[in-house]
Amino acid sequence: MQDYRGNTAELTVIIVSYNTRSLTLKCLETLYANTRRVAFRTVVLDNGSEDGSADAVAAAFPEVELIRSPENLGFARANNLAAAAASSEWLLLLNPDTEVYAGAVDRLLDFAKANPAAGITGGRTVFPDGSLNIASCWNRITPWSAVCSAAGLSRLFSRSTIFNPEGIGSWKRDTVREVDIIVGCLLMIRRELWERLAGFDPKYFMYGEEADLCLRAQALGYRPMITPDAEIVHLVGASSSDKEASKYCMIAKGRMTLIRDHWSKPLIPFGRAMMWLWAGGRVFILTVWFRLTGKNRFETEKWRAIWQERQNWLAGY
């Protein structure tokens, strides 16, 4: 396959878009403007957007290979579908709410080639103001990290690697480092390994799929790695309490599925109990606080909504 300049494409960039018209256009604009050395092709799969995303991409970027899904397939299935048609040696998953800095993709591919034992590589993400967005990578969920999350210790002592092991404490993502999980907002992988892993597990509709992919790669002996030399902006939008609660429920559903899929069987009930406590404890504390002070109504309503859906997310995917 050839890139938009007529060269043989070494990399396929995959973007899954869902009602992110303006963000997707900006992502594509920065991708093409700031990726100079790598011969790449771009596939955008539009997940049944209702905001004109697909038409806008087709009009502004005719060089993009556009796949129009009539329905929302979810993140995992959509990426699998887009990747299935790729023949390039490398794949890069890129979120539509990102902006690519100059040379980021070029340097990430250089890093991936120089570190074949990593298998999966990622970079550093920042917010629009340039401040660190830690969510480019994480460490895996463990029984201890589940306790820290349920008890609120990860948030209270966010800079501690002991009490915030999943967030990796105060590490600023400013050094090369092995991590357990590369987030799908910027995830590079050799196509051969992607196919060996059969891509994302499609049961993960959204959230958890990249963690599962990385953990399965580790089971094969790979060690995912982060480089600070590949930096992008990853946007975070405001949301209503209903949307916020829905997002947390989906995250919880993914986490519960990861616990079920990657913990030993005797520990799974403990993981489920920690997930129950994670939500139940916050509902109790926030409700008492709200009744005493009248403050934090948004947070209280959000966690009540999450708690009401506990049977759904505790079941996992």
C-alpha atoms as a PDB file:
ATOM      1  CA  MET A   1       0.000   0.000   0.000  1.00  0.00           C
ATOM      2  CA  GLN A   2       1.108   3.549  -0.724  1.00  0.00           C
ATOM      3  CA  ASP A   3       0.984   6.667   1.399  1.00  0.00           C
ATOM      4  CA  TYR A   4      -0.616   9.924   0.311  1.00  0.00           C
ATOM      5  CA  ARG A   5       2.666  10.983  -1.353  1.00  0.00           C
ATOM      6  CA  GLY A   6       2.937   7.841  -3.455  1.00  0.00           C
ATOM      7  CA  ASN A   7       5.552   6.088  -1.331  1.00  0.00           C
ATOM      8  CA  THR A   8       5.220   2.574   0.027  1.00  0.00           C
ATOM      9  CA  ALA A   9       3.539   2.981   3.397  1.00  0.00           C
ATOM     10  CA  GLU A  10       5.548   1.740   6.344  1.00  0.00           C
ATOM     11  CA  LEU A  11       2.879   2.699   8.869  1.00  0.00           C
ATOM     12  CA  THR A  12      -0.913   2.699   9.000  1.00  0.00           C
ATOM     13  CA  VAL A  13      -2.432   5.281  11.342  1.00  0.00           C
ATOM     14  CA  ILE A  14      -5.863   4.222  12.597  1.00  0.00           C
ATOM     15  CA  ILE A  15      -8.309   6.751  14.032  1.00  0.00           C
ATOM     16  CA  VAL A  16     -11.732   5.741  15.327  1.00  0.00           C
ATOM     17  CA  SER A  17     -14.119   8.676  15.335  1.00  0.00           C
ATOM     18  CA  TYR A  18     -17.446   8.989  17.108  1.00  0.00           C
ATOM     19  CA  ASN A  19     -19.203  12.364  17.080  1.00  0.00           C
ATOM     20  CA  THR A  20     -15.880  14.197  17.240  1.00  0.00           C
ATOM     21  CA  ARG A  21     -16.068  16.139  13.972  1.00  0.00           C
ATOM     22  CA  SER A  22     -13.951  19.189  14.788  1.00  0.00           C
ATOM     23  CA  LEU A  23     -11.513  17.213  16.945  1.00  0.00           C
ATOM     24  CA  THR A  24     -10.967  14.587  14.260  1.00  0.00           C
ATOM     25  CA  LEU A  25     -10.279  17.251  11.650  1.00  0.00           C
ATOM     26  CA  LYS A  26      -7.738  18.922  13.928  1.00  0.00           C
ATOM     27  CA  CYS A  27      -6.114  15.585  14.687  1.00  0.00           C
ATOM     28  CA  LEU A  28      -5.711  14.854  10.977  1.00  0.00           C
ATOM     29  CA  GLU A  29      -4.453  18.365  10.283  1.00  0.00           C
ATOM     30  CA  THR A  30      -1.671  18.052  12.861  1.00  0.00           C
ATOM     31  CA  LEU A  31      -0.864  14.471  11.865  1.00  0.00           C
ATOM     32  CA  TYR A  32      -0.186  15.430   8.239  1.00  0.00           C
ATOM     33  CA  ALA A  33       1.524  18.715   9.089  1.00  0.00           C
ATOM     34  CA  ASN A  34       3.876  17.271  11.690  1.00  0.00           C
ATOM     35  CA  THR A  35       4.785  13.818  10.357  1.00  0.00           C
ATOM     36  CA  ARG A  36       7.520  14.275   7.783  1.00  0.00           C
ATOM     37  CA  ARG A  37       9.846  11.282   7.592  1.00  0.00           C
ATOM     38  CA  VAL A  38       7.497   8.311   7.924  1.00  0.00           C
ATOM     39  CA  ALA A  39       5.609   7.078   4.884  1.00  0.00           C
ATOM     40  CA  PHE A  40       2.146   6.461   6.287  1.00  0.00           C
ATOM     41  CA  ARG A  41      -1.430   5.943   5.270  1.00  0.00           C
ATOM     42  CA  THR A  42      -4.392   6.901   7.409  1.00  0.00           C
ATOM     43  CA  VAL A  43      -7.604   5.003   8.015  1.00  0.00           C
ATOM     44  CA  VAL A  44     -10.480   6.733   9.776  1.00  0.00           C
ATOM     45  CA  LEU A  45     -13.324   4.520  10.879  1.00  0.00           C
ATOM     46  CA  ASP A  46     -16.382   6.585  11.715  1.00  0.00           C
ATOM     47  CA  ASN A  47     -18.437   4.759  14.331  1.00  0.00           C
ATOM     48  CA  GLY A  48     -21.903   5.834  13.176  1.00  0.00           C
ATOM     49  CA  SER A  49     -21.420   9.508  14.077  1.00  0.00           C
ATOM     50  CA  GLU A  50     -24.420  11.812  13.849  1.00  0.00           C
ATOM     51  CA  ASP A  51     -22.472  15.073  13.648  1.00  0.00           C
ATOM     52  CA  GLY A  52     -21.312  14.868  10.038  1.00  0.00           C
ATOM     53  CA  SER A  53     -17.848  13.619  10.970  1.00  0.00           C
ATOM     54  CA  ALA A  54     -17.516  11.222   8.044  1.00  0.00           C
ATOM     55  CA  ASP A  55     -18.562  13.752   5.394  1.00  0.00           C
ATOM     56  CA  ALA A  56     -16.283  16.390   6.891  1.00  0.00           C
ATOM     57  CA  VAL A  57     -13.277  14.056   6.825  1.00  0.00           C
ATOM     58  CA  ALA A  58     -14.027  12.994   3.257  1.00  0.00           C
ATOM     59  CA  ALA A  59     -14.230  16.622   2.130  1.00  0.00           C
ATOM     60  CA  ALA A  60     -11.179  17.946   3.976  1.00  0.00           C
ATOM     61  CA  PHE A  61      -8.878  14.933   3.643  1.00  0.00           C
ATOM     62  CA  PRO A  62      -9.567  12.966   0.445  1.00  0.00           C
ATOM     63  CA  GLU A  63      -6.283  11.093   0.987  1.00  0.00           C
ATOM     64  CA  VAL A  64      -7.732   9.448   4.097  1.00  0.00           C
ATOM     65  CA  GLU A  65      -9.227   5.990   3.693  1.00  0.00           C
ATOM     66  CA  LEU A  66     -12.644   6.381   5.270  1.00  0.00           C
ATOM     67  CA  ILE A  67     -14.710   3.515   6.616  1.00  0.00           C
ATOM     68  CA  ARG A  68     -18.296   4.435   7.474  1.00  0.00           C
ATOM     69  CA  SER A  69     -19.851   2.148  10.033  1.00  0.00           C
ATOM     70  CA  PRO A  70     -23.654   2.411  10.215  1.00  0.00           C
ATOM     71  CA  GLU A  71     -23.479   1.718  13.958  1.00  0.00           C
ATOM     72  CA  ASN A  72     -21.201   2.306  16.928  1.00  0.00           C
ATOM     73  CA  LEU A  73     -19.038  -0.798  17.000  1.00  0.00           C
ATOM     74  CA  GLY A  74     -17.120   0.268  20.087  1.00  0.00           C
ATOM     75  CA  PHE A  75     -13.414   1.042  20.240  1.00  0.00           C
ATOM     76  CA  ALA A  76     -12.090  -2.520  20.123  1.00  0.00           C
ATOM     77  CA  ARG A  77     -14.153  -3.827  17.213  1.00  0.00           C
ATOM     78  CA  ALA A  78     -13.696  -0.635  15.214  1.00  0.00           C
ATOM     79  CA  ASN A  79      -9.909  -0.742  15.500  1.00  0.00           C
ATOM     80  CA  ASN A  80      -9.902  -4.423  14.617  1.00  0.00           C
ATOM     81  CA  LEU A  81     -11.930  -3.714  11.489  1.00  0.00           C
ATOM     82  CA  ALA A  82      -9.696  -0.843  10.408  1.00  0.00           C
ATOM     83  CA  ALA A  83      -6.517  -2.833  11.074  1.00  0.00           C
ATOM     84  CA  ALA A  84      -7.750  -5.846   9.123  1.00  0.00           C
ATOM     85  CA  ALA A  85      -7.161  -4.095   5.810  1.00  0.00           C
ATOM     86  CA  ALA A  86      -3.660  -2.871   6.704  1.00  0.00           C
ATOM     87  CA  SER A  87      -0.601  -4.360   5.021  1.00  0.00           C
ATOM     88  CA  SER A  88       2.035  -1.973   6.394  1.00  0.00           C
ATOM     89  CA  GLU A  89       4.674  -3.275   8.787  1.00  0.00           C
ATOM     90  CA  TRP A  90       3.529  -1.002  11.627  1.00  0.00           C
ATOM     91  CA  LEU A  91       0.232   0.168  13.080  1.00  0.00           C
ATOM     92  CA  LEU A  92      -0.425   3.290  15.125  1.00  0.00           C
ATOM     93  CA  LEU A  93      -3.663   3.733  17.042  1.00  0.00           C
ATOM     94  CA  LEU A  94      -4.407   7.427  17.503  1.00  0.00           C
ATOM     95  CA  ASN A  95      -7.387   8.988  19.272  1.00  0.00           C
ATOM     96  CA  PRO A  96      -9.398  11.639  17.423  1.00  0.00           C
ATOM     97  CA  ASP A  97      -9.120  14.016  20.401  1.00  0.00           C
ATOM     98  CA  THR A  98      -5.358  14.329  20.025  1.00  0.00           C
ATOM     99  CA  GLU A  99      -3.064  16.825  18.336  1.00  0.00           C
ATOM    100  CA  VAL A 100       0.253  15.560  17.055  1.00  0.00           C
ATOM    101  CA  TYR A 101       3.370  17.592  17.831  1.00  0.00           C
ATOM    102  CA  ALA A 102       6.148  17.968  15.278  1.00  0.00           C
ATOM    103  CA  GLY A 103       8.093  14.740  14.802  1.00  0.00           C
ATOM    104  CA  ALA A 104       6.113  12.761  17.380  1.00  0.00           C
ATOM    105  CA  VAL A 105       5.100   9.938  15.044  1.00  0.00           C
ATOM    106  CA  ASP A 106       8.508   9.880  13.345  1.00  0.00           C
ATOM    107  CA  ARG A 107      10.314   9.549  16.678  1.00  0.00           C
ATOM    108  CA  LEU A 108       7.867   6.984  18.040  1.00  0.00           C
ATOM    109  CA  LEU A 109       8.474   4.726  15.057  1.00  0.00           C
ATOM    110  CA  ASP A 110      12.241   5.160  15.477  1.00  0.00           C
ATOM    111  CA  PHE A 111      11.868   4.184  19.129  1.00  0.00           C
ATOM    112  CA  ALA A 112       9.725   1.153  18.316  1.00  0.00           C
ATOM    113  CA  LYS A 113      12.292  -0.077  15.791  1.00  0.00           C
ATOM    114  CA  ALA A 114      15.124   0.420  18.266  1.00  0.00           C
ATOM    115  CA  ASN A 115      13.286  -1.516  20.986  1.00  0.00           C
ATOM    116  CA  PRO A 116      11.779  -4.626  19.394  1.00  0.00           C
ATOM    117  CA  ALA A 117      11.528  -6.369  22.782  1.00  0.00           C
ATOM    118  CA  ALA A 118       8.936  -3.786  23.825  1.00  0.00           C
ATOM    119  CA  GLY A 119       6.395  -5.064  21.317  1.00  0.00           C
ATOM    120  CA  ILE A 120       4.083  -2.144  22.057  1.00  0.00           C
ATOM    121  CA  THR A 121       5.260   1.445  22.464  1.00  0.00           C
ATOM    122  CA  GLY A 122       3.737   4.786  23.356  1.00  0.00           C
ATOM    123  CA  GLY A 123       4.650   8.372  24.117  1.00  0.00           C
ATOM    124  CA  ARG A 124       3.921  11.264  26.424  1.00  0.00           C
ATOM    125  CA  THR A 125       0.576  13.074  26.478  1.00  0.00           C
ATOM    126  CA  VAL A 126      -0.088  16.608  27.657  1.00  0.00           C
ATOM    127  CA  PHE A 127      -3.140  18.803  28.078  1.00  0.00           C
ATOM    128  CA  PRO A 128      -3.668  21.826  25.787  1.00  0.00           C
ATOM    129  CA  ASP A 129      -1.866  24.085  28.291  1.00  0.00           C
ATOM    130  CA  GLY A 130       1.210  21.850  28.129  1.00  0.00           C
ATOM    131  CA  SER A 131       0.740  20.282  31.567  1.00  0.00           C
ATOM    132  CA  LEU A 132       1.227  16.551  31.925  1.00  0.00           C
ATOM    133  CA  ASN A 133      -1.631  14.178  31.188  1.00  0.00           C
ATOM    134  CA  ILE A 134      -0.505  10.989  32.920  1.00  0.00           C
ATOM    135  CA  ALA A 135      -2.982   8.820  31.018  1.00  0.00           C
ATOM    136  CA  SER A 136      -0.633   7.713  28.251  1.00  0.00           C
ATOM    137  CA  CYS A 137       0.287   4.631  30.265  1.00  0.00           C
ATOM    138  CA  TRP A 138      -0.493   2.739  33.471  1.00  0.00           C
ATOM    139  CA  ASN A 139       0.578  -0.244  35.454  1.00  0.00           C
ATOM    140  CA  ARG A 140      -1.689  -3.255  35.773  1.00  0.00           C
ATOM    141  CA  ILE A 141      -4.419  -3.747  38.373  1.00  0.00           C
ATOM    142  CA  THR A 142      -3.158  -5.836  41.288  1.00  0.00           C
ATOM    143  CA  PRO A 143      -4.850  -6.819  44.562  1.00  0.00           C
ATOM    144  CA  TRP A 144      -2.863  -4.082  46.313  1.00  0.00           C
ATOM    145  CA  SER A 145      -3.713  -1.429  43.714  1.00  0.00           C
ATOM    146  CA  ALA A 146      -7.375  -2.442  43.953  1.00  0.00           C
ATOM    147  CA  VAL A 147      -7.246  -1.843  47.728  1.00  0.00           C
ATOM    148  CA  CYS A 148      -5.598   1.557  47.184  1.00  0.00           C
ATOM    149  CA  SER A 149      -8.227   2.521  44.619  1.00  0.00           C
ATOM    150  CA  ALA A 150     -11.157   1.353  46.748  1.00  0.00           C
ATOM    151  CA  ALA A 151      -9.872   3.147  49.847  1.00  0.00           C
ATOM    152  CA  GLY A 152      -9.102   6.346  47.988  1.00  0.00           C
ATOM    153  CA  LEU A 153      -5.392   6.070  48.766  1.00  0.00           C
ATOM    154  CA  SER A 154      -4.419   6.364  45.087  1.00  0.00           C
ATOM    155  CA  ARG A 155      -6.041   9.770  44.954  1.00  0.00           C
ATOM    156  CA  LEU A 156      -4.940  11.000  48.383  1.00  0.00           C
ATOM    157  CA  PHE A 157      -1.326   9.966  47.780  1.00  0.00           C
ATOM    158  CA  SER A 158      -1.197  10.260  44.011  1.00  0.00           C
ATOM    159  CA  ARG A 159       2.545  10.984  43.992  1.00  0.00           C
ATOM    160  CA  SER A 160       3.364   7.791  45.863  1.00  0.00           C
ATOM    161  CA  THR A 161       4.343   4.693  43.928  1.00  0.00           C
ATOM    162  CA  ILE A 162       3.275   2.632  46.944  1.00  0.00           C
ATOM    163  CA  PHE A 163      -0.274   3.963  47.188  1.00  0.00           C
ATOM    164  CA  ASN A 164      -0.737   4.852  43.512  1.00  0.00           C
ATOM    165  CA  PRO A 165       0.960   1.938  41.752  1.00  0.00           C
ATOM    166  CA  GLU A 166      -1.307   1.977  38.704  1.00  0.00           C
ATOM    167  CA  GLY A 167      -0.636   5.675  38.110  1.00  0.00           C
ATOM    168  CA  ILE A 168       3.091   5.072  38.774  1.00  0.00           C
ATOM    169  CA  GLY A 169       3.274   7.733  41.448  1.00  0.00           C
ATOM    170  CA  SER A 170       4.970  11.008  40.614  1.00  0.00           C
ATOM    171  CA  TRP A 171       6.700   9.833  37.429  1.00  0.00           C
ATOM    172  CA  LYS A 172       6.214  12.588  34.843  1.00  0.00           C
ATOM    173  CA  ARG A 173       6.510  10.311  31.824  1.00  0.00           C
ATOM    174  CA  ASP A 174       9.739  12.174  31.036  1.00  0.00           C
ATOM    175  CA  THR A 175      12.063   9.175  30.820  1.00  0.00           C
ATOM    176  CA  VAL A 176      12.151   5.970  28.820  1.00  0.00           C
ATOM    177  CA  ARG A 177      10.518   3.299  30.931  1.00  0.00           C
ATOM    178  CA  GLU A 178       8.880  -0.114  30.800  1.00  0.00           C
ATOM    179  CA  VAL A 179       5.199  -0.018  31.766  1.00  0.00           C
ATOM    180  CA  ASP A 180       2.417  -2.558  31.874  1.00  0.00           C
ATOM    181  CA  ILE A 181      -0.134  -0.710  29.757  1.00  0.00           C
ATOM    182  CA  ILE A 182       0.132   1.634  26.768  1.00  0.00           C
ATOM    183  CA  VAL A 183      -3.102   3.567  26.292  1.00  0.00           C
ATOM    184  CA  GLY A 184      -4.829   3.415  22.901  1.00  0.00           C
ATOM    185  CA  CYS A 185      -4.696   7.186  22.373  1.00  0.00           C
ATOM    186  CA  LEU A 186      -1.135   6.685  21.073  1.00  0.00           C
ATOM    187  CA  LEU A 187      -0.198   3.035  20.692  1.00  0.00           C
ATOM    188  CA  MET A 188       2.288   1.674  18.173  1.00  0.00           C
ATOM    189  CA  ILE A 189       2.638  -2.013  17.429  1.00  0.00           C
ATOM    190  CA  ARG A 190       4.123  -4.135  14.681  1.00  0.00           C
ATOM    191  CA  ARG A 191       1.318  -5.548  12.559  1.00  0.00           C
ATOM    192  CA  GLU A 192       2.727  -9.062  12.913  1.00  0.00           C
ATOM    193  CA  LEU A 193       2.330  -8.888  16.697  1.00  0.00           C
ATOM    194  CA  TRP A 194      -1.139  -7.334  16.398  1.00  0.00           C
ATOM    195  CA  GLU A 195      -2.219 -10.244  14.242  1.00  0.00           C
ATOM    196  CA  ARG A 196      -0.549 -12.767  16.548  1.00  0.00           C
ATOM    197  CA  LEU A 197      -2.620 -11.328  19.411  1.00  0.00           C
ATOM    198  CA  ALA A 198      -5.721 -11.219  17.159  1.00  0.00           C
ATOM    199  CA  GLY A 199      -5.993  -7.502  17.883  1.00  0.00           C
ATOM    200  CA  PHE A 200      -8.245  -6.255  20.637  1.00  0.00           C
ATOM    201  CA  ASP A 201     -10.573  -8.660  22.389  1.00  0.00           C
ATOM    202  CA  PRO A 202     -13.901  -7.478  20.912  1.00  0.00           C
ATOM    203  CA  LYS A 203     -15.851  -8.118  24.114  1.00  0.00           C
ATOM    204  CA  TYR A 204     -14.295  -4.912  25.503  1.00  0.00           C
ATOM    205  CA  PHE A 205     -16.677  -2.354  24.008  1.00  0.00           C
ATOM    206  CA  MET A 206     -14.670   0.560  25.396  1.00  0.00           C
ATOM    207  CA  TYR A 207     -12.059   0.901  28.172  1.00  0.00           C
ATOM    208  CA  GLY A 208      -9.779  -1.960  29.134  1.00  0.00           C
ATOM    209  CA  GLU A 209      -9.075  -3.275  25.656  1.00  0.00           C
ATOM    210  CA  GLU A 210      -5.565  -1.828  25.421  1.00  0.00           C
ATOM    211  CA  ALA A 211      -4.732  -3.079  28.924  1.00  0.00           C
ATOM    212  CA  ASP A 212      -5.833  -6.570  27.912  1.00  0.00           C
ATOM    213  CA  LEU A 213      -3.796  -6.346  24.691  1.00  0.00           C
ATOM    214  CA  CYS A 214      -0.647  -5.261  26.536  1.00  0.00           C
ATOM    215  CA  LEU A 215      -1.027  -7.894  29.242  1.00  0.00           C
ATOM    216  CA  ARG A 216      -1.417 -10.591  26.606  1.00  0.00           C
ATOM    217  CA  ALA A 217       1.702  -9.273  24.866  1.00  0.00           C
ATOM    218  CA  GLN A 218       3.575  -9.454  28.173  1.00  0.00           C
ATOM    219  CA  ALA A 219       2.486 -13.062  28.532  1.00  0.00           C
ATOM    220  CA  LEU A 220       4.409 -13.680  25.300  1.00  0.00           C
ATOM    221  CA  GLY A 221       7.509 -12.050  26.757  1.00  0.00           C
ATOM    222  CA  TYR A 222       7.213  -8.489  25.455  1.00  0.00           C
ATOM    223  CA  ARG A 223       7.762  -5.440  27.684  1.00  0.00           C
ATOM    224  CA  PRO A 224       5.816  -2.345  26.548  1.00  0.00           C
ATOM    225  CA  MET A 225       7.735   0.920  26.739  1.00  0.00           C
ATOM    226  CA  ILE A 226       7.162   4.685  26.815  1.00  0.00           C
ATOM    227  CA  THR A 227       9.371   7.365  25.277  1.00  0.00           C
ATOM    228  CA  PRO A 228       9.060  11.057  26.184  1.00  0.00           C
ATOM    229  CA  ASP A 229      10.364  12.001  22.721  1.00  0.00           C
ATOM    230  CA  ALA A 230       6.964  11.273  21.160  1.00  0.00           C
ATOM    231  CA  GLU A 231       4.624  13.881  22.615  1.00  0.00           C
ATOM    232  CA  ILE A 232       1.052  14.730  21.690  1.00  0.00           C
ATOM    233  CA  VAL A 233      -1.837  16.701  23.116  1.00  0.00           C
ATOM    234  CA  HIS A 234      -4.666  14.576  24.444  1.00  0.00           C
ATOM    235  CA  LEU A 235      -7.792  16.617  25.078  1.00  0.00           C
ATOM    236  CA  VAL A 236     -10.247  16.089  27.919  1.00  0.00           C
ATOM    237  CA  GLY A 237     -13.736  17.564  27.514  1.00  0.00           C
ATOM    238  CA  ALA A 238     -16.263  18.671  30.105  1.00  0.00           C
ATOM    239  CA  SER A 239     -19.285  16.433  30.606  1.00  0.00           C
ATOM    240  CA  SER A 240     -22.592  16.394  32.376  1.00  0.00           C
ATOM    241  CA  SER A 241     -23.105  14.329  35.505  1.00  0.00           C
ATOM    242  CA  ASP A 242     -25.035  11.702  33.519  1.00  0.00           C
ATOM    243  CA  LYS A 243     -22.280  11.351  30.916  1.00  0.00           C
ATOM    244  CA  GLU A 244     -19.608  11.342  33.598  1.00  0.00           C
ATOM    245  CA  ALA A 245     -21.392   8.554  35.469  1.00  0.00           C
ATOM    246  CA  SER A 246     -21.822   6.575  32.275  1.00  0.00           C
ATOM    247  CA  LYS A 247     -18.104   6.867  31.524  1.00  0.00           C
ATOM    248  CA  TYR A 248     -17.151   5.690  35.023  1.00  0.00           C
ATOM    249  CA  CYS A 249     -19.527   2.734  34.697  1.00  0.00           C
ATOM    250  CA  MET A 250     -17.855   1.713  31.450  1.00  0.00           C
ATOM    251  CA  ILE A 251     -14.404   2.071  33.029  1.00  0.00           C
ATOM    252  CA  ALA A 252     -15.565  -0.052  35.987  1.00  0.00           C
ATOM    253  CA  LYS A 253     -16.946  -2.667  33.616  1.00  0.00           C
ATOM    254  CA  GLY A 254     -13.602  -2.824  31.821  1.00  0.00           C
ATOM    255  CA  ARG A 255     -11.666  -3.050  35.101  1.00  0.00           C
ATOM    256  CA  MET A 256     -13.865  -5.857  36.364  1.00  0.00           C
ATOM    257  CA  THR A 257     -13.304  -7.726  33.103  1.00  0.00           C
ATOM    258  CA  LEU A 258      -9.538  -7.268  33.381  1.00  0.00           C
ATOM    259  CA  ILE A 259      -9.635  -8.649  36.916  1.00  0.00           C
ATOM    260  CA  ARG A 260     -11.605 -11.647  35.744  1.00  0.00           C
ATOM    261  CA  ASP A 261      -9.354 -12.230  32.715  1.00  0.00           C
ATOM    262  CA  HIS A 262      -5.934 -11.640  34.258  1.00  0.00           C
ATOM    263  CA  TRP A 263      -6.133 -12.501  37.960  1.00  0.00           C
ATOM    264  CA  SER A 264      -5.922 -16.011  39.347  1.00  0.00           C
ATOM    265  CA  LYS A 265      -9.362 -17.486  39.916  1.00  0.00           C
ATOM    266  CA  PRO A 266      -9.202 -17.504  43.764  1.00  0.00           C
ATOM    267  CA  LEU A 267      -8.531 -13.739  43.799  1.00  0.00           C
ATOM    268  CA  ILE A 268     -11.418 -12.694  41.545  1.00  0.00           C
ATOM    269  CA  PRO A 269     -14.025 -12.482  44.382  1.00  0.00           C
ATOM    270  CA  PHE A 270     -11.633 -10.184  46.256  1.00  0.00           C
ATOM    271  CA  GLY A 271     -11.305  -7.977  43.185  1.00  0.00           C
ATOM    272  CA  ARG A 272     -15.064  -7.835  42.848  1.00  0.00           C
ATOM    273  CA  ALA A 273     -15.381  -6.848  46.521  1.00  0.00           C
ATOM    274  CA  MET A 274     -12.853  -4.038  46.034  1.00  0.00           C
ATOM    275  CA  MET A 275     -14.817  -2.744  43.048  1.00  0.00           C
ATOM    276  CA  TRP A 276     -17.996  -2.830  45.159  1.00  0.00           C
ATOM    277  CA  LEU A 277     -16.218  -0.895  47.906  1.00  0.00           C
ATOM    278  CA  TRP A 278     -14.747   1.569  45.398  1.00  0.00           C
ATOM    279  CA  ALA A 279     -18.229   2.781  44.487  1.00  0.00           C
ATOM    280  CA  GLY A 280     -20.133   2.029  47.684  1.00  0.00           C
ATOM    281  CA  GLY A 281     -17.648   3.805  49.932  1.00  0.00           C
ATOM    282  CA  ARG A 282     -17.784   6.971  47.852  1.00  0.00           C
ATOM    283  CA  VAL A 283     -21.570   6.996  47.801  1.00  0.00           C
ATOM    284  CA  PHE A 284     -21.701   6.690  51.579  1.00  0.00           C
ATOM    285  CA  ILE A 285     -19.088   9.382  52.277  1.00  0.00           C
ATOM    286  CA  LEU A 286     -20.419  11.845  49.714  1.00  0.00           C
ATOM    287  CA  THR A 287     -24.038  11.375  50.804  1.00  0.00           C
ATOM    288  CA  VAL A 288     -23.182  12.051  54.433  1.00  0.00           C
ATOM    289  CA  TRP A 289     -21.069  15.068  53.468  1.00  0.00           C
ATOM    290  CA  PHE A 290     -23.789  16.483  51.217  1.00  0.00           C
ATOM    291  CA  ARG A 291     -26.448  16.157  53.917  1.00  0.00           C
ATOM    292  CA  LEU A 292     -24.195  17.896  56.423  1.00  0.00           C
ATOM    293  CA  THR A 293     -22.917  20.695  54.196  1.00  0.00           C
ATOM    294  CA  GLY A 294     -24.992  20.824  51.029  1.00  0.00           C
ATOM    295  CA  LYS A 295     -21.742  20.699  49.035  1.00  0.00           C
ATOM    296  CA  ASN A 296     -20.547  18.412  46.228  1.00  0.00           C
ATOM    297  CA  ARG A 297     -23.971  17.789  44.784  1.00  0.00           C
ATOM    298  CA  PHE A 298     -22.567  16.972  41.341  1.00  0.00           C
ATOM    299  CA  GLU A 299     -20.179  14.355  42.720  1.00  0.00           C
ATOM    300  CA  THR A 300     -22.850  12.883  44.981  1.00  0.00           C
ATOM    301  CA  GLU A 301     -25.313  12.471  42.109  1.00  0.00           C
ATOM    302  CA  LYS A 302     -22.598  11.029  39.876  1.00  0.00           C
ATOM    303  CA  TRP A 303     -21.600   8.327  42.364  1.00  0.00           C
ATOM    304  CA  ARG A 304     -25.224   7.495  43.176  1.00  0.00           C
ATOM    305  CA  ALA A 305     -25.784   6.897  39.463  1.00  0.00           C
ATOM    306  CA  ILE A 306     -22.683   4.704  39.303  1.00  0.00           C
ATOM    307  CA  TRP A 307     -23.835   2.744  42.348  1.00  0.00           C
ATOM    308  CA  GLN A 308     -27.262   2.152  40.845  1.00  0.00           C
ATOM    309  CA  GLU A 309     -25.581   0.463  37.864  1.00  0.00           C
ATOM    310  CA  ARG A 310     -23.333  -1.766  39.979  1.00  0.00           C
ATOM    311  CA  GLN A 311     -24.930  -5.048  38.950  1.00  0.00           C
ATOM    312  CA  ASN A 312     -24.143  -4.221  35.339  1.00  0.00           C
ATOM    313  CA  TRP A 313     -20.496  -3.230  35.718  1.00  0.00           C
ATOM    314  CA  LEU A 314     -19.714  -5.815  38.389  1.00  0.00           C
ATOM    315  CA  ALA A 315     -20.679  -8.451  35.834  1.00  0.00           C
ATOM    316  CA  GLY A 316     -17.986  -7.225  33.452  1.00  0.00           C
ATOM    317  CA  TYR A 317     -18.174  -7.835  29.724  1.00  0.00           C
END
